[in-house]
Amino acid sequence: MCRSIKTLRPPFTEGVTDADVRAAALQYVRKVSGFHHPAAHNAEAFERAVDAVEEATAELLSSLRVRGAPAR
């Protein structure tokens, strides 16, 4: 869907930061909404969506278990 969003889970990416997760969420919401920068009347909804996707992504990444990976 959005080629600029990189895989954030091990073993593909190590040391994922909060900034990485936020950037992926922002790219996703931009792609889905069609807005790179939303107009003022859409800014609040856009930011809420980015926050929600960021939270869901962080939860997903922290819940995944990769076979063969050392336990955290």
Protein backbone atom coordinates (compact mmCIF):
# COMPACT_ATOMS: atom_id res chain seq x y z
CA MET A 1 0.00 0.00 0.00
CA CYS A 2 2.62 2.55 0.99
CA ARG A 3 6.10 1.56 -0.06
CA SER A 4 7.78 4.18 2.11
CA ILE A 5 6.64 2.49 5.32
CA LYS A 6 9.43 0.14 6.37
CA THR A 7 9.08 -3.09 8.30
CA LEU A 8 9.59 -2.34 11.98
CA ARG A 9 9.83 -5.80 13.50
CA PRO A 10 12.89 -7.92 14.12
CA PRO A 11 14.76 -9.45 12.40
CA PHE A 12 14.17 -6.92 9.62
CA THR A 13 14.79 -3.89 11.80
CA GLU A 14 16.59 -3.70 15.14
CA GLY A 15 16.40 -0.80 17.57
CA VAL A 16 13.07 0.64 16.46
CA THR A 17 12.46 4.00 18.11
CA ASP A 18 9.27 5.84 19.02
CA ALA A 19 10.13 8.22 16.17
CA ASP A 20 10.16 5.28 13.71
CA VAL A 21 6.72 4.18 14.88
CA ARG A 22 5.38 7.77 14.66
CA ALA A 23 6.80 8.20 11.15
CA ALA A 24 5.16 4.98 9.97
CA ALA A 25 1.83 6.06 11.48
CA LEU A 26 2.08 9.45 9.80
CA GLN A 27 2.87 7.88 6.42
CA TYR A 28 -0.10 5.53 6.76
CA VAL A 29 -2.56 8.29 7.65
CA ARG A 30 -1.23 10.48 4.84
CA LYS A 31 -1.75 7.67 2.35
CA VAL A 32 -5.22 6.73 3.55
CA SER A 33 -6.48 10.32 3.86
CA GLY A 34 -4.84 11.62 0.71
CA PHE A 35 -3.51 14.62 2.66
CA HIS A 36 0.17 15.37 3.10
CA HIS A 37 -0.72 18.33 5.30
CA PRO A 38 -4.44 18.57 6.17
CA ALA A 39 -6.34 21.84 6.12
CA ALA A 40 -6.93 23.50 9.49
CA HIS A 41 -10.49 22.13 9.71
CA ASN A 42 -9.15 18.57 9.32
CA ALA A 43 -5.97 18.88 11.38
CA GLU A 44 -7.45 17.63 14.66
CA ALA A 45 -8.98 14.52 13.07
CA PHE A 46 -5.72 13.87 11.19
CA GLU A 47 -3.61 14.09 14.38
CA ARG A 48 -6.04 11.86 16.30
CA ALA A 49 -5.73 9.27 13.54
CA VAL A 50 -1.93 9.44 13.62
CA ASP A 51 -1.98 9.04 17.42
CA ALA A 52 -4.33 6.04 17.19
CA VAL A 53 -2.27 4.31 14.49
CA GLU A 54 0.94 5.01 16.42
CA GLU A 55 -0.55 3.47 19.57
CA ALA A 56 -1.85 0.42 17.70
CA THR A 57 1.49 -0.05 15.96
CA ALA A 58 3.45 0.16 19.20
CA GLU A 59 1.08 -2.36 20.81
CA LEU A 60 1.40 -4.71 17.85
CA LEU A 61 5.19 -4.56 17.82
CA SER A 62 5.43 -5.16 21.55
CA SER A 63 3.08 -8.16 21.30
CA LEU A 64 4.70 -9.97 18.36
CA ARG A 65 6.80 -13.04 19.02
CA VAL A 66 9.37 -13.79 16.36
CA ARG A 67 10.47 -17.41 16.14
CA GLY A 68 14.14 -17.84 16.88
CA ALA A 69 14.46 -14.39 18.43
CA PRO A 70 15.86 -14.08 21.96
CA ALA A 71 13.22 -13.53 24.67
CA ARG A 72 12.79 -9.95 25.83
